[in-house]
Amino acid sequence: GGVVVSALLGIDFWTGALATVILTGLYTVVGGMRAVVYTETL
């Protein structure tokens, strides 16, 4: 994720990696499996 994000958005590797982790962690913690399954389909 860090590789992809830093290559695409032109930001440094660690910023990219941390941002994605924190964002994902948030919706998994709150929404559980159902949030995971339906967002995955999209």
PDB file of all heavy atoms in Angstrom:
ATOM      1  N   GLY A   1       0.832  -1.201   0.000  1.00  0.00           N
ATOM      2  CA  GLY A   1       0.000   0.000   0.000  1.00  0.00           C
ATOM      3  C   GLY A   1       0.858   1.239   0.000  1.00  0.00           C
ATOM      4  O   GLY A   1       0.599   2.196  -0.736  1.00  0.00           O
ATOM      5  N   GLY A   2       1.914   1.211   0.816  1.00  0.00           N
ATOM      6  CA  GLY A   2       2.812   2.359   0.863  1.00  0.00           C
ATOM      7  C   GLY A   2       3.439   2.614  -0.500  1.00  0.00           C
ATOM      8  O   GLY A   2       3.512   3.748  -0.965  1.00  0.00           O
ATOM      9  N   VAL A   3       3.854   1.519  -1.174  1.00  0.00           N
ATOM     10  CA  VAL A   3       4.458   1.654  -2.509  1.00  0.00           C
ATOM     11  C   VAL A   3       3.476   2.299  -3.483  1.00  0.00           C
ATOM     12  O   VAL A   3       3.791   3.253  -4.188  1.00  0.00           O
ATOM     13  CB  VAL A   3       4.900   0.270  -3.065  1.00  0.00           C
ATOM     14  CG1 VAL A   3       5.368   0.398  -4.503  1.00  0.00           C
ATOM     15  CG2 VAL A   3       6.000  -0.323  -2.207  1.00  0.00           C
ATOM     16  N   VAL A   4       2.235   1.753  -3.496  1.00  0.00           N
ATOM     17  CA  VAL A   4       1.222   2.245  -4.427  1.00  0.00           C
ATOM     18  C   VAL A   4       0.868   3.703  -4.143  1.00  0.00           C
ATOM     19  O   VAL A   4       0.886   4.554  -5.032  1.00  0.00           O
ATOM     20  CB  VAL A   4      -0.062   1.389  -4.328  1.00  0.00           C
ATOM     21  CG1 VAL A   4      -1.186   2.031  -5.122  1.00  0.00           C
ATOM     22  CG2 VAL A   4       0.216  -0.008  -4.842  1.00  0.00           C
ATOM     23  N   VAL A   5       0.568   3.988  -2.872  1.00  0.00           N
ATOM     24  CA  VAL A   5       0.128   5.338  -2.512  1.00  0.00           C
ATOM     25  C   VAL A   5       1.220   6.360  -2.786  1.00  0.00           C
ATOM     26  O   VAL A   5       0.966   7.419  -3.356  1.00  0.00           O
ATOM     27  CB  VAL A   5      -0.294   5.382  -1.023  1.00  0.00           C
ATOM     28  CG1 VAL A   5      -0.628   6.800  -0.615  1.00  0.00           C
ATOM     29  CG2 VAL A   5      -1.492   4.493  -0.803  1.00  0.00           C
ATOM     30  N   SER A   6       2.473   6.026  -2.416  1.00  0.00           N
ATOM     31  CA  SER A   6       3.519   7.026  -2.616  1.00  0.00           C
ATOM     32  C   SER A   6       3.783   7.232  -4.105  1.00  0.00           C
ATOM     33  O   SER A   6       4.043   8.344  -4.542  1.00  0.00           O
ATOM     34  CB  SER A   6       4.797   6.632  -1.875  1.00  0.00           C
ATOM     35  OG  SER A   6       5.260   5.390  -2.325  1.00  0.00           O
ATOM     36  N   ALA A   7       3.667   6.131  -4.909  1.00  0.00           N
ATOM     37  CA  ALA A   7       3.896   6.292  -6.352  1.00  0.00           C
ATOM     38  C   ALA A   7       2.793   7.120  -7.007  1.00  0.00           C
ATOM     39  O   ALA A   7       3.040   7.937  -7.877  1.00  0.00           O
ATOM     40  CB  ALA A   7       3.987   4.925  -7.025  1.00  0.00           C
ATOM     41  N   LEU A   8       1.548   6.909  -6.542  1.00  0.00           N
ATOM     42  CA  LEU A   8       0.419   7.572  -7.201  1.00  0.00           C
ATOM     43  C   LEU A   8       0.251   9.007  -6.756  1.00  0.00           C
ATOM     44  O   LEU A   8       0.042   9.910  -7.558  1.00  0.00           O
ATOM     45  CB  LEU A   8      -0.884   6.839  -6.879  1.00  0.00           C
ATOM     46  CG  LEU A   8      -1.016   5.450  -7.482  1.00  0.00           C
ATOM     47  CD1 LEU A   8      -2.332   4.848  -7.048  1.00  0.00           C
ATOM     48  CD2 LEU A   8      -0.957   5.550  -8.986  1.00  0.00           C
ATOM     49  N   LEU A   9       0.285   9.214  -5.446  1.00  0.00           N
ATOM     50  CA  LEU A   9      -0.062  10.534  -4.946  1.00  0.00           C
ATOM     51  C   LEU A   9       1.174  11.404  -4.764  1.00  0.00           C
ATOM     52  O   LEU A   9       1.081  12.560  -4.376  1.00  0.00           O
ATOM     53  CB  LEU A   9      -0.811  10.419  -3.610  1.00  0.00           C
ATOM     54  CG  LEU A   9      -1.970   9.415  -3.581  1.00  0.00           C
ATOM     55  CD1 LEU A   9      -2.670   9.471  -2.239  1.00  0.00           C
ATOM     56  CD2 LEU A   9      -2.977   9.702  -4.689  1.00  0.00           C
ATOM     57  N   GLY A  10       2.363  10.807  -5.028  1.00  0.00           N
ATOM     58  CA  GLY A  10       3.583  11.582  -4.903  1.00  0.00           C
ATOM     59  C   GLY A  10       3.890  12.023  -3.486  1.00  0.00           C
ATOM     60  O   GLY A  10       4.475  13.073  -3.266  1.00  0.00           O
ATOM     61  N   ILE A  11       3.462  11.212  -2.482  1.00  0.00           N
ATOM     62  CA  ILE A  11       3.832  11.552  -1.105  1.00  0.00           C
ATOM     63  C   ILE A  11       4.810  10.512  -0.588  1.00  0.00           C
ATOM     64  O   ILE A  11       5.037   9.502  -1.238  1.00  0.00           O
ATOM     65  CB  ILE A  11       2.601  11.580  -0.165  1.00  0.00           C
ATOM     66  CG1 ILE A  11       1.789  10.297  -0.329  1.00  0.00           C
ATOM     67  CG2 ILE A  11       1.783  12.824  -0.371  1.00  0.00           C
ATOM     68  CD1 ILE A  11       0.576  10.239   0.543  1.00  0.00           C
ATOM     69  N   ASP A  12       5.396  10.756   0.603  1.00  0.00           N
ATOM     70  CA  ASP A  12       6.414   9.800   1.034  1.00  0.00           C
ATOM     71  C   ASP A  12       5.785   8.491   1.524  1.00  0.00           C
ATOM     72  O   ASP A  12       4.630   8.433   1.906  1.00  0.00           O
ATOM     73  CB  ASP A  12       7.378  10.495   2.018  1.00  0.00           C
ATOM     74  CG  ASP A  12       7.257  10.039   3.451  1.00  0.00           C
ATOM     75  OD1 ASP A  12       6.935   8.865   3.711  1.00  0.00           O
ATOM     76  OD2 ASP A  12       7.470  10.860   4.329  1.00  0.00           O
ATOM     77  N   PHE A  13       6.585   7.410   1.473  1.00  0.00           N
ATOM     78  CA  PHE A  13       6.117   6.045   1.720  1.00  0.00           C
ATOM     79  C   PHE A  13       5.401   5.889   3.074  1.00  0.00           C
ATOM     80  O   PHE A  13       4.318   5.328   3.157  1.00  0.00           O
ATOM     81  CB  PHE A  13       7.311   5.094   1.632  1.00  0.00           C
ATOM     82  CG  PHE A  13       7.009   3.706   2.104  1.00  0.00           C
ATOM     83  CD1 PHE A  13       6.311   2.821   1.288  1.00  0.00           C
ATOM     84  CD2 PHE A  13       7.401   3.278   3.364  1.00  0.00           C
ATOM     85  CE1 PHE A  13       6.020   1.537   1.718  1.00  0.00           C
ATOM     86  CE2 PHE A  13       7.110   1.988   3.797  1.00  0.00           C
ATOM     87  CZ  PHE A  13       6.423   1.118   2.970  1.00  0.00           C
ATOM     88  N   TRP A  14       6.005   6.411   4.136  1.00  0.00           N
ATOM     89  CA  TRP A  14       5.422   6.198   5.471  1.00  0.00           C
ATOM     90  C   TRP A  14       4.101   6.917   5.661  1.00  0.00           C
ATOM     91  O   TRP A  14       3.178   6.391   6.267  1.00  0.00           O
ATOM     92  CB  TRP A  14       6.423   6.595   6.569  1.00  0.00           C
ATOM     93  CG  TRP A  14       7.436   5.532   6.753  1.00  0.00           C
ATOM     94  CD1 TRP A  14       8.727   5.522   6.285  1.00  0.00           C
ATOM     95  CD2 TRP A  14       7.250   4.266   7.416  1.00  0.00           C
ATOM     96  NE1 TRP A  14       9.341   4.338   6.611  1.00  0.00           N
ATOM     97  CE2 TRP A  14       8.471   3.562   7.305  1.00  0.00           C
ATOM     98  CE3 TRP A  14       6.180   3.684   8.076  1.00  0.00           C
ATOM     99  CZ2 TRP A  14       8.643   2.282   7.839  1.00  0.00           C
ATOM    100  CZ3 TRP A  14       6.349   2.408   8.614  1.00  0.00           C
ATOM    101  CH2 TRP A  14       7.562   1.723   8.494  1.00  0.00           C
ATOM    102  N   THR A  15       4.019   8.148   5.104  1.00  0.00           N
ATOM    103  CA  THR A  15       2.750   8.886   5.198  1.00  0.00           C
ATOM    104  C   THR A  15       1.647   8.083   4.536  1.00  0.00           C
ATOM    105  O   THR A  15       0.554   7.900   5.072  1.00  0.00           O
ATOM    106  CB  THR A  15       2.853  10.251   4.466  1.00  0.00           C
ATOM    107  OG1 THR A  15       4.166  10.769   4.665  1.00  0.00           O
ATOM    108  CG2 THR A  15       1.819  11.229   4.960  1.00  0.00           C
ATOM    109  N   GLY A  16       1.971   7.556   3.335  1.00  0.00           N
ATOM    110  CA  GLY A  16       0.993   6.782   2.574  1.00  0.00           C
ATOM    111  C   GLY A  16       0.547   5.550   3.330  1.00  0.00           C
ATOM    112  O   GLY A  16      -0.651   5.261   3.455  1.00  0.00           O
ATOM    113  N   ALA A  17       1.518   4.808   3.870  1.00  0.00           N
ATOM    114  CA  ALA A  17       1.196   3.566   4.569  1.00  0.00           C
ATOM    115  C   ALA A  17       0.331   3.837   5.802  1.00  0.00           C
ATOM    116  O   ALA A  17      -0.684   3.177   6.029  1.00  0.00           O
ATOM    117  CB  ALA A  17       2.473   2.836   4.957  1.00  0.00           C
ATOM    118  N   LEU A  18       0.721   4.840   6.585  1.00  0.00           N
ATOM    119  CA  LEU A  18      -0.014   5.117   7.825  1.00  0.00           C
ATOM    120  C   LEU A  18      -1.434   5.610   7.560  1.00  0.00           C
ATOM    121  O   LEU A  18      -2.382   5.183   8.217  1.00  0.00           O
ATOM    122  CB  LEU A  18       0.744   6.143   8.677  1.00  0.00           C
ATOM    123  CG  LEU A  18       2.016   5.587   9.327  1.00  0.00           C
ATOM    124  CD1 LEU A  18       2.806   6.679  10.008  1.00  0.00           C
ATOM    125  CD2 LEU A  18       1.658   4.506  10.338  1.00  0.00           C
ATOM    126  N   ALA A  19      -1.571   6.490   6.540  1.00  0.00           N
ATOM    127  CA  ALA A  19      -2.895   7.033   6.237  1.00  0.00           C
ATOM    128  C   ALA A  19      -3.878   5.922   5.876  1.00  0.00           C
ATOM    129  O   ALA A  19      -4.999   5.863   6.407  1.00  0.00           O
ATOM    130  CB  ALA A  19      -2.800   8.042   5.102  1.00  0.00           C
ATOM    131  N   THR A  20      -3.437   5.006   4.993  1.00  0.00           N
ATOM    132  CA  THR A  20      -4.341   3.924   4.579  1.00  0.00           C
ATOM    133  C   THR A  20      -4.721   3.034   5.752  1.00  0.00           C
ATOM    134  O   THR A  20      -5.880   2.638   5.899  1.00  0.00           O
ATOM    135  CB  THR A  20      -3.694   3.027   3.503  1.00  0.00           C
ATOM    136  OG1 THR A  20      -2.296   3.118   3.641  1.00  0.00           O
ATOM    137  CG2 THR A  20      -4.098   3.433   2.126  1.00  0.00           C
ATOM    138  N   VAL A  21      -3.738   2.727   6.602  1.00  0.00           N
ATOM    139  CA  VAL A  21      -4.010   1.829   7.724  1.00  0.00           C
ATOM    140  C   VAL A  21      -5.044   2.427   8.673  1.00  0.00           C
ATOM    141  O   VAL A  21      -5.998   1.768   9.089  1.00  0.00           O
ATOM    142  CB  VAL A  21      -2.721   1.562   8.516  1.00  0.00           C
ATOM    143  CG1 VAL A  21      -3.024   0.769   9.762  1.00  0.00           C
ATOM    144  CG2 VAL A  21      -1.760   0.807   7.648  1.00  0.00           C
ATOM    145  N   ILE A  22      -4.839   3.718   8.983  1.00  0.00           N
ATOM    146  CA  ILE A  22      -5.722   4.332   9.975  1.00  0.00           C
ATOM    147  C   ILE A  22      -7.144   4.446   9.428  1.00  0.00           C
ATOM    148  O   ILE A  22      -8.120   4.110  10.105  1.00  0.00           O
ATOM    149  CB  ILE A  22      -5.148   5.707  10.396  1.00  0.00           C
ATOM    150  CG1 ILE A  22      -3.837   5.469  11.171  1.00  0.00           C
ATOM    151  CG2 ILE A  22      -6.132   6.467  11.261  1.00  0.00           C
ATOM    152  CD1 ILE A  22      -2.952   6.674  11.307  1.00  0.00           C
ATOM    153  N   LEU A  23      -7.244   4.835   8.152  1.00  0.00           N
ATOM    154  CA  LEU A  23      -8.558   4.967   7.535  1.00  0.00           C
ATOM    155  C   LEU A  23      -9.306   3.632   7.509  1.00  0.00           C
ATOM    156  O   LEU A  23     -10.480   3.533   7.868  1.00  0.00           O
ATOM    157  CB  LEU A  23      -8.369   5.471   6.097  1.00  0.00           C
ATOM    158  CG  LEU A  23      -9.573   6.174   5.486  1.00  0.00           C
ATOM    159  CD1 LEU A  23      -9.857   7.446   6.269  1.00  0.00           C
ATOM    160  CD2 LEU A  23      -9.303   6.521   4.028  1.00  0.00           C
ATOM    161  N   THR A  24      -8.584   2.576   7.092  1.00  0.00           N
ATOM    162  CA  THR A  24      -9.208   1.250   7.007  1.00  0.00           C
ATOM    163  C   THR A  24      -9.588   0.741   8.381  1.00  0.00           C
ATOM    164  O   THR A  24     -10.670   0.191   8.582  1.00  0.00           O
ATOM    165  CB  THR A  24      -8.231   0.235   6.391  1.00  0.00           C
ATOM    166  OG1 THR A  24      -7.646   0.826   5.255  1.00  0.00           O
ATOM    167  CG2 THR A  24      -8.955  -1.020   5.987  1.00  0.00           C
ATOM    168  N   GLY A  25      -8.668   0.918   9.323  1.00  0.00           N
ATOM    169  CA  GLY A  25      -8.921   0.477  10.692  1.00  0.00           C
ATOM    170  C   GLY A  25     -10.224   1.072  11.192  1.00  0.00           C
ATOM    171  O   GLY A  25     -11.039   0.383  11.812  1.00  0.00           O
ATOM    172  N   LEU A  26     -10.450   2.356  10.878  1.00  0.00           N
ATOM    173  CA  LEU A  26     -11.662   3.027  11.347  1.00  0.00           C
ATOM    174  C   LEU A  26     -12.932   2.343  10.877  1.00  0.00           C
ATOM    175  O   LEU A  26     -13.793   2.003  11.672  1.00  0.00           O
ATOM    176  CB  LEU A  26     -11.676   4.487  10.854  1.00  0.00           C
ATOM    177  CG  LEU A  26     -10.965   5.474  11.770  1.00  0.00           C
ATOM    178  CD1 LEU A  26     -10.959   6.867  11.163  1.00  0.00           C
ATOM    179  CD2 LEU A  26     -11.672   5.515  13.128  1.00  0.00           C
ATOM    180  N   TYR A  27     -13.040   2.093   9.537  1.00  0.00           N
ATOM    181  CA  TYR A  27     -14.331   1.556   9.111  1.00  0.00           C
ATOM    182  C   TYR A  27     -14.511   0.095   9.470  1.00  0.00           C
ATOM    183  O   TYR A  27     -15.625  -0.387   9.623  1.00  0.00           O
ATOM    184  CB  TYR A  27     -14.675   1.906   7.649  1.00  0.00           C
ATOM    185  CG  TYR A  27     -14.186   1.044   6.520  1.00  0.00           C
ATOM    186  CD1 TYR A  27     -14.794  -0.167   6.212  1.00  0.00           C
ATOM    187  CD2 TYR A  27     -13.153   1.483   5.703  1.00  0.00           C
ATOM    188  CE1 TYR A  27     -14.368  -0.916   5.127  1.00  0.00           C
ATOM    189  CE2 TYR A  27     -12.726   0.731   4.609  1.00  0.00           C
ATOM    190  CZ  TYR A  27     -13.332  -0.471   4.335  1.00  0.00           C
ATOM    191  OH  TYR A  27     -12.923  -1.207   3.268  1.00  0.00           O
ATOM    192  N   THR A  28     -13.402  -0.633   9.669  1.00  0.00           N
ATOM    193  CA  THR A  28     -13.544  -2.024  10.110  1.00  0.00           C
ATOM    194  C   THR A  28     -14.000  -2.084  11.556  1.00  0.00           C
ATOM    195  O   THR A  28     -14.857  -2.888  11.929  1.00  0.00           O
ATOM    196  CB  THR A  28     -12.194  -2.774  10.018  1.00  0.00           C
ATOM    197  OG1 THR A  28     -11.573  -2.420   8.801  1.00  0.00           O
ATOM    198  CG2 THR A  28     -12.405  -4.262  10.059  1.00  0.00           C
ATOM    199  N   VAL A  29     -13.394  -1.227  12.389  1.00  0.00           N
ATOM    200  CA  VAL A  29     -13.742  -1.234  13.808  1.00  0.00           C
ATOM    201  C   VAL A  29     -15.222  -0.923  13.984  1.00  0.00           C
ATOM    202  O   VAL A  29     -15.940  -1.573  14.732  1.00  0.00           O
ATOM    203  CB  VAL A  29     -12.883  -0.202  14.582  1.00  0.00           C
ATOM    204  CG1 VAL A  29     -13.404  -0.007  15.988  1.00  0.00           C
ATOM    205  CG2 VAL A  29     -11.446  -0.672  14.626  1.00  0.00           C
ATOM    206  N   VAL A  30     -15.692   0.089  13.242  1.00  0.00           N
ATOM    207  CA  VAL A  30     -17.077   0.521  13.438  1.00  0.00           C
ATOM    208  C   VAL A  30     -18.085  -0.403  12.749  1.00  0.00           C
ATOM    209  O   VAL A  30     -19.100  -0.777  13.326  1.00  0.00           O
ATOM    210  CB  VAL A  30     -17.257   1.974  12.929  1.00  0.00           C
ATOM    211  CG1 VAL A  30     -18.658   2.452  13.214  1.00  0.00           C
ATOM    212  CG2 VAL A  30     -16.263   2.889  13.626  1.00  0.00           C
ATOM    213  N   GLY A  31     -17.764  -0.823  11.501  1.00  0.00           N
ATOM    214  CA  GLY A  31     -18.798  -1.502  10.720  1.00  0.00           C
ATOM    215  C   GLY A  31     -18.835  -3.014  10.758  1.00  0.00           C
ATOM    216  O   GLY A  31     -19.824  -3.623  10.401  1.00  0.00           O
ATOM    217  N   GLY A  32     -17.716  -3.646  11.159  1.00  0.00           N
ATOM    218  CA  GLY A  32     -17.712  -5.108  11.222  1.00  0.00           C
ATOM    219  C   GLY A  32     -17.768  -5.767   9.854  1.00  0.00           C
ATOM    220  O   GLY A  32     -17.539  -5.145   8.822  1.00  0.00           O
ATOM    221  N   MET A  33     -18.125  -7.048   9.856  1.00  0.00           N
ATOM    222  CA  MET A  33     -18.066  -7.856   8.638  1.00  0.00           C
ATOM    223  C   MET A  33     -18.978  -7.340   7.532  1.00  0.00           C
ATOM    224  O   MET A  33     -18.637  -7.410   6.360  1.00  0.00           O
ATOM    225  CB  MET A  33     -18.446  -9.300   8.981  1.00  0.00           C
ATOM    226  CG  MET A  33     -18.324 -10.230   7.813  1.00  0.00           C
ATOM    227  SD  MET A  33     -16.604 -10.442   7.338  1.00  0.00           S
ATOM    228  CE  MET A  33     -16.771 -11.724   6.130  1.00  0.00           C
ATOM    229  N   ARG A  34     -20.145  -6.835   7.889  1.00  0.00           N
ATOM    230  CA  ARG A  34     -21.074  -6.429   6.836  1.00  0.00           C
ATOM    231  C   ARG A  34     -20.493  -5.255   6.047  1.00  0.00           C
ATOM    232  O   ARG A  34     -20.566  -5.232   4.820  1.00  0.00           O
ATOM    233  CB  ARG A  34     -22.427  -6.057   7.446  1.00  0.00           C
ATOM    234  CG  ARG A  34     -23.468  -5.824   6.389  1.00  0.00           C
ATOM    235  CD  ARG A  34     -24.848  -5.740   6.977  1.00  0.00           C
ATOM    236  NE  ARG A  34     -25.266  -7.009   7.536  1.00  0.00           N
ATOM    237  CZ  ARG A  34     -26.354  -7.145   8.294  1.00  0.00           C
ATOM    238  NH1 ARG A  34     -27.078  -6.110   8.583  1.00  0.00           N
ATOM    239  NH2 ARG A  34     -26.690  -8.324   8.757  1.00  0.00           N
ATOM    240  N   ALA A  35     -19.879  -4.307   6.764  1.00  0.00           N
ATOM    241  CA  ALA A  35     -19.243  -3.177   6.073  1.00  0.00           C
ATOM    242  C   ALA A  35     -18.160  -3.714   5.145  1.00  0.00           C
ATOM    243  O   ALA A  35     -17.999  -3.269   4.007  1.00  0.00           O
ATOM    244  CB  ALA A  35     -18.623  -2.223   7.089  1.00  0.00           C
ATOM    245  N   VAL A  36     -17.424  -4.741   5.615  1.00  0.00           N
ATOM    246  CA  VAL A  36     -16.337  -5.294   4.819  1.00  0.00           C
ATOM    247  C   VAL A  36     -16.869  -5.958   3.546  1.00  0.00           C
ATOM    248  O   VAL A  36     -16.403  -5.701   2.444  1.00  0.00           O
ATOM    249  CB  VAL A  36     -15.518  -6.306   5.664  1.00  0.00           C
ATOM    250  CG1 VAL A  36     -14.486  -6.990   4.799  1.00  0.00           C
ATOM    251  CG2 VAL A  36     -14.829  -5.596   6.821  1.00  0.00           C
ATOM    252  N   VAL A  37     -17.890  -6.814   3.691  1.00  0.00           N
ATOM    253  CA  VAL A  37     -18.384  -7.578   2.535  1.00  0.00           C
ATOM    254  C   VAL A  37     -18.970  -6.688   1.447  1.00  0.00           C
ATOM    255  O   VAL A  37     -18.667  -6.844   0.270  1.00  0.00           O
ATOM    256  CB  VAL A  37     -19.452  -8.598   2.977  1.00  0.00           C
ATOM    257  CG1 VAL A  37     -19.988  -9.340   1.774  1.00  0.00           C
ATOM    258  CG2 VAL A  37     -18.850  -9.599   3.932  1.00  0.00           C
ATOM    259  N   TYR A  38     -19.794  -5.727   1.836  1.00  0.00           N
ATOM    260  CA  TYR A  38     -20.448  -4.908   0.805  1.00  0.00           C
ATOM    261  C   TYR A  38     -19.492  -3.916   0.153  1.00  0.00           C
ATOM    262  O   TYR A  38     -19.557  -3.690  -1.047  1.00  0.00           O
ATOM    263  CB  TYR A  38     -21.683  -4.202   1.369  1.00  0.00           C
ATOM    264  CG  TYR A  38     -22.832  -5.165   1.500  1.00  0.00           C
ATOM    265  CD1 TYR A  38     -23.131  -5.763   2.724  1.00  0.00           C
ATOM    266  CD2 TYR A  38     -23.589  -5.530   0.391  1.00  0.00           C
ATOM    267  CE1 TYR A  38     -24.168  -6.682   2.842  1.00  0.00           C
ATOM    268  CE2 TYR A  38     -24.623  -6.447   0.496  1.00  0.00           C
ATOM    269  CZ  TYR A  38     -24.913  -7.023   1.727  1.00  0.00           C
ATOM    270  OH  TYR A  38     -25.921  -7.933   1.821  1.00  0.00           O
ATOM    271  N   THR A  39     -18.569  -3.319   0.948  1.00  0.00           N
ATOM    272  CA  THR A  39     -17.620  -2.398   0.310  1.00  0.00           C
ATOM    273  C   THR A  39     -16.691  -3.188  -0.614  1.00  0.00           C
ATOM    274  O   THR A  39     -16.308  -2.713  -1.670  1.00  0.00           O
ATOM    275  CB  THR A  39     -16.773  -1.628   1.349  1.00  0.00           C
ATOM    276  OG1 THR A  39     -16.294  -2.542   2.319  1.00  0.00           O
ATOM    277  CG2 THR A  39     -17.584  -0.562   2.044  1.00  0.00           C
ATOM    278  N   GLU A  40     -16.390  -4.447  -0.254  1.00  0.00           N
ATOM    279  CA  GLU A  40     -15.529  -5.262  -1.106  1.00  0.00           C
ATOM    280  C   GLU A  40     -16.137  -5.532  -2.466  1.00  0.00           C
ATOM    281  O   GLU A  40     -15.427  -5.594  -3.465  1.00  0.00           O
ATOM    282  CB  GLU A  40     -15.270  -6.626  -0.443  1.00  0.00           C
ATOM    283  CG  GLU A  40     -14.050  -6.601   0.411  1.00  0.00           C
ATOM    284  CD  GLU A  40     -13.844  -7.922   1.119  1.00  0.00           C
ATOM    285  OE1 GLU A  40     -14.703  -8.810   1.054  1.00  0.00           O
ATOM    286  OE2 GLU A  40     -12.788  -8.057   1.727  1.00  0.00           O
ATOM    287  N   THR A  41     -17.440  -5.714  -2.502  1.00  0.00           N
ATOM    288  CA  THR A  41     -18.093  -5.999  -3.777  1.00  0.00           C
ATOM    289  C   THR A  41     -17.867  -4.845  -4.738  1.00  0.00           C
ATOM    290  O   THR A  41     -17.492  -5.027  -5.898  1.00  0.00           O
ATOM    291  CB  THR A  41     -19.600  -6.227  -3.554  1.00  0.00           C
ATOM    292  OG1 THR A  41     -19.749  -7.181  -2.518  1.00  0.00           O
ATOM    293  CG2 THR A  41     -20.267  -6.749  -4.804  1.00  0.00           C
ATOM    294  N   LEU A  42     -18.063  -3.627  -4.238  1.00  0.00           N
ATOM    295  CA  LEU A  42     -17.843  -2.437  -5.063  1.00  0.00           C
ATOM    296  C   LEU A  42     -16.378  -2.361  -5.507  1.00  0.00           C
ATOM    297  O   LEU A  42     -16.068  -2.069  -6.663  1.00  0.00           O
ATOM    298  CB  LEU A  42     -18.216  -1.179  -4.258  1.00  0.00           C
ATOM    299  CG  LEU A  42     -17.944   0.149  -4.950  1.00  0.00           C
ATOM    300  CD1 LEU A  42     -18.882   0.318  -6.142  1.00  0.00           C
ATOM    301  CD2 LEU A  42     -18.119   1.323  -3.994  1.00  0.00           C
TER     302      LEU A  42
END
